[in-house]
Amino acid sequence: MKIFLGGSLRDIEKNEEVVNQLGTLIVERGHLLLNGCRGSLDKMIAESAATWLQGQSKNTQDYIHSYILEGEEEKQIHEVGRIFISELKDWEMQSVGLDIPEQISMADVTIFIGGSEGTLKAANFARMAQKPILGIGMFGGAGYDLNKYERPFFEH
């Protein structure tokens, strides 16, 4: 399964261990972790997954795929796994088509932690791509709002 994990670490530092465990659990179960490569959450999740993979002598590039926008390579926050340059110039919805970011379009399921406007934008891309959304509510922010909103749809 391909799992996109996005959001923000802002205001959740006291629960970093839970976030680290989530990154580890995704790859421990053989799933492909998809994320961005710009925020502290992206870095923490990728690094925790990589630590477990390396301890198992597994190749991080097979299990961790991250994306950075073209022209923003200098903002790349980590070098863990396989890093792709996105075909998108930005995440704005002002192009002729509604292009879904690769890490969301490829995902089988999306998970969101904390965050605010940017996290909600990513969740809206997931909705357009008809991907299941799981908001992690314990950290507040957009993850909490998404959990509350999406809960009635979990059975589907």
Protein backbone atom coordinates (compact mmCIF):
# COMPACT_ATOMS: atom_id res chain seq x y z
CA MET A 1 0.00 0.00 0.00
CA LYS A 2 1.16 3.56 -0.71
CA ILE A 3 0.52 5.93 2.19
CA PHE A 4 0.80 9.70 1.99
CA LEU A 5 1.51 11.34 5.33
CA GLY A 6 1.37 15.13 5.55
CA GLY A 7 0.80 17.95 7.97
CA SER A 8 2.87 20.01 10.37
CA LEU A 9 4.85 19.50 13.56
CA ARG A 10 4.00 22.96 14.79
CA ASP A 11 2.65 22.71 18.35
CA ILE A 12 3.06 18.92 18.61
CA GLU A 13 6.70 18.61 19.69
CA LYS A 14 5.64 17.05 23.00
CA ASN A 15 4.21 14.10 21.04
CA GLU A 16 7.16 13.52 18.71
CA GLU A 17 7.46 9.89 19.83
CA VAL A 18 3.98 9.11 18.48
CA VAL A 19 4.90 10.72 15.16
CA ASN A 20 8.15 8.75 15.00
CA GLN A 21 6.28 5.52 15.67
CA LEU A 22 3.85 6.26 12.84
CA GLY A 23 6.71 6.60 10.33
CA THR A 24 8.22 3.37 11.57
CA LEU A 25 4.92 1.46 11.50
CA ILE A 26 4.25 2.41 7.88
CA VAL A 27 7.48 0.89 6.57
CA GLU A 28 7.61 -1.91 9.14
CA ARG A 29 4.43 -3.27 7.59
CA GLY A 30 5.92 -3.08 4.10
CA HIS A 31 4.08 0.03 2.91
CA LEU A 32 5.54 2.79 0.75
CA LEU A 33 5.74 6.13 2.57
CA LEU A 34 4.94 9.13 0.38
CA ASN A 35 5.55 12.64 1.64
CA GLY A 36 6.84 16.07 0.87
CA CYS A 37 10.36 17.21 1.50
CA ARG A 38 9.87 20.68 2.95
CA GLY A 39 8.50 20.54 6.47
CA SER A 40 9.73 19.29 9.81
CA LEU A 41 7.01 16.61 9.83
CA ASP A 42 8.23 15.32 6.46
CA LYS A 43 11.76 15.09 7.85
CA MET A 44 10.78 13.43 11.13
CA ILE A 45 8.57 10.81 9.47
CA ALA A 46 11.15 10.00 6.79
CA GLU A 47 14.02 9.79 9.28
CA SER A 48 12.13 7.55 11.71
CA ALA A 49 11.13 5.24 8.86
CA ALA A 50 14.72 5.21 7.56
CA THR A 51 16.14 4.36 10.98
CA TRP A 52 13.96 1.26 11.19
CA LEU A 53 14.67 0.27 7.57
CA GLN A 54 18.43 0.60 8.02
CA GLY A 55 18.23 -1.52 11.17
CA GLN A 56 16.63 -4.22 9.02
CA SER A 57 19.22 -3.77 6.24
CA LYS A 58 16.50 -2.57 3.86
CA ASN A 59 16.96 0.05 1.15
CA THR A 60 15.25 3.32 2.12
CA GLN A 61 14.75 4.20 -1.55
CA ASP A 62 12.37 1.27 -1.91
CA TYR A 63 10.12 2.44 0.95
CA ILE A 64 10.35 6.25 1.18
CA HIS A 65 9.46 8.54 -1.73
CA SER A 66 9.40 12.29 -1.19
CA TYR A 67 8.61 15.15 -3.55
CA ILE A 68 9.88 18.71 -3.79
CA LEU A 69 8.59 21.36 -6.18
CA GLU A 70 10.79 22.22 -9.13
CA GLY A 71 12.82 25.31 -8.35
CA GLU A 72 12.54 24.80 -4.60
CA GLU A 73 15.32 22.25 -4.23
CA GLU A 74 17.20 24.63 -1.92
CA LYS A 75 14.29 24.26 0.55
CA GLN A 76 14.62 20.46 0.62
CA ILE A 77 14.65 19.50 4.31
CA HIS A 78 15.92 15.92 4.08
CA GLU A 79 17.70 13.50 1.77
CA VAL A 80 16.10 10.29 3.02
CA GLY A 81 14.86 7.69 0.55
CA ARG A 82 14.16 8.60 -3.05
CA ILE A 83 13.59 12.31 -3.72
CA PHE A 84 11.63 13.32 -6.82
CA ILE A 85 11.25 16.73 -8.42
CA SER A 86 7.53 17.33 -8.82
CA GLU A 87 6.13 18.06 -12.25
CA LEU A 88 3.99 20.74 -10.61
CA LYS A 89 5.24 24.31 -10.31
CA ASP A 90 3.11 24.94 -7.21
CA TRP A 91 0.09 23.64 -5.31
CA GLU A 92 -2.16 26.49 -6.41
CA MET A 93 -5.27 25.67 -8.40
CA GLN A 94 -4.69 28.27 -11.08
CA SER A 95 -3.53 26.09 -13.98
CA VAL A 96 -5.64 24.95 -16.92
CA GLY A 97 -6.15 21.54 -15.33
CA LEU A 98 -6.53 20.44 -11.75
CA ASP A 99 -3.21 18.66 -11.34
CA ILE A 100 -3.00 16.59 -8.17
CA PRO A 101 0.41 16.52 -6.47
CA GLU A 102 2.13 13.22 -7.29
CA GLN A 103 2.46 12.02 -3.71
CA ILE A 104 -1.31 12.33 -3.28
CA SER A 105 -2.34 10.97 -6.67
CA MET A 106 -0.14 7.89 -6.15
CA ALA A 107 -1.39 7.22 -2.61
CA ASP A 108 -3.87 4.54 -1.68
CA VAL A 109 -4.68 6.41 1.54
CA THR A 110 -3.79 9.81 3.01
CA ILE A 111 -3.02 10.66 6.65
CA PHE A 112 -2.85 14.17 8.07
CA ILE A 113 -1.29 15.33 11.35
CA GLY A 114 -1.65 18.82 12.82
CA GLY A 115 -1.25 21.61 10.31
CA SER A 116 -3.47 24.40 9.07
CA GLU A 117 -4.25 25.89 5.64
CA GLY A 118 -1.58 23.94 3.72
CA THR A 119 -2.70 20.68 5.29
CA LEU A 120 -6.32 21.41 4.39
CA LYS A 121 -5.23 22.16 0.82
CA ALA A 122 -3.50 18.77 0.65
CA ALA A 123 -6.66 17.10 2.03
CA ASN A 124 -8.73 18.84 -0.64
CA PHE A 125 -6.39 17.45 -3.29
CA ALA A 126 -6.95 14.01 -1.71
CA ARG A 127 -10.70 14.52 -1.97
CA MET A 128 -10.43 15.51 -5.64
CA ALA A 129 -8.35 12.37 -6.24
CA GLN A 130 -10.94 10.33 -4.28
CA LYS A 131 -8.40 9.09 -1.75
CA PRO A 132 -9.41 8.01 1.75
CA ILE A 133 -8.49 10.62 4.37
CA LEU A 134 -7.51 9.94 7.95
CA GLY A 135 -6.99 12.98 10.15
CA ILE A 136 -5.07 12.32 13.37
CA GLY A 137 -7.06 14.32 15.89
CA MET A 138 -4.82 14.11 18.96
CA PHE A 139 -2.51 16.89 17.74
CA GLY A 140 -5.22 19.45 17.02
CA GLY A 141 -5.08 21.70 14.00
CA ALA A 142 -6.21 20.56 10.57
CA GLY A 143 -5.68 16.90 11.52
CA TYR A 144 -8.29 17.28 14.26
CA ASP A 145 -10.72 19.07 11.94
CA LEU A 146 -10.25 16.43 9.25
CA ASN A 147 -10.79 13.62 11.75
CA LYS A 148 -14.03 15.18 12.93
CA TYR A 149 -15.27 15.85 9.38
CA GLU A 150 -14.19 12.54 7.82
CA ARG A 151 -15.26 10.23 10.68
CA PRO A 152 -18.74 9.56 9.21
CA PHE A 153 -17.08 8.38 5.97
CA PHE A 154 -14.65 5.87 7.58
CA GLU A 155 -16.83 2.85 6.80
CA HIS A 156 -16.55 3.57 3.08
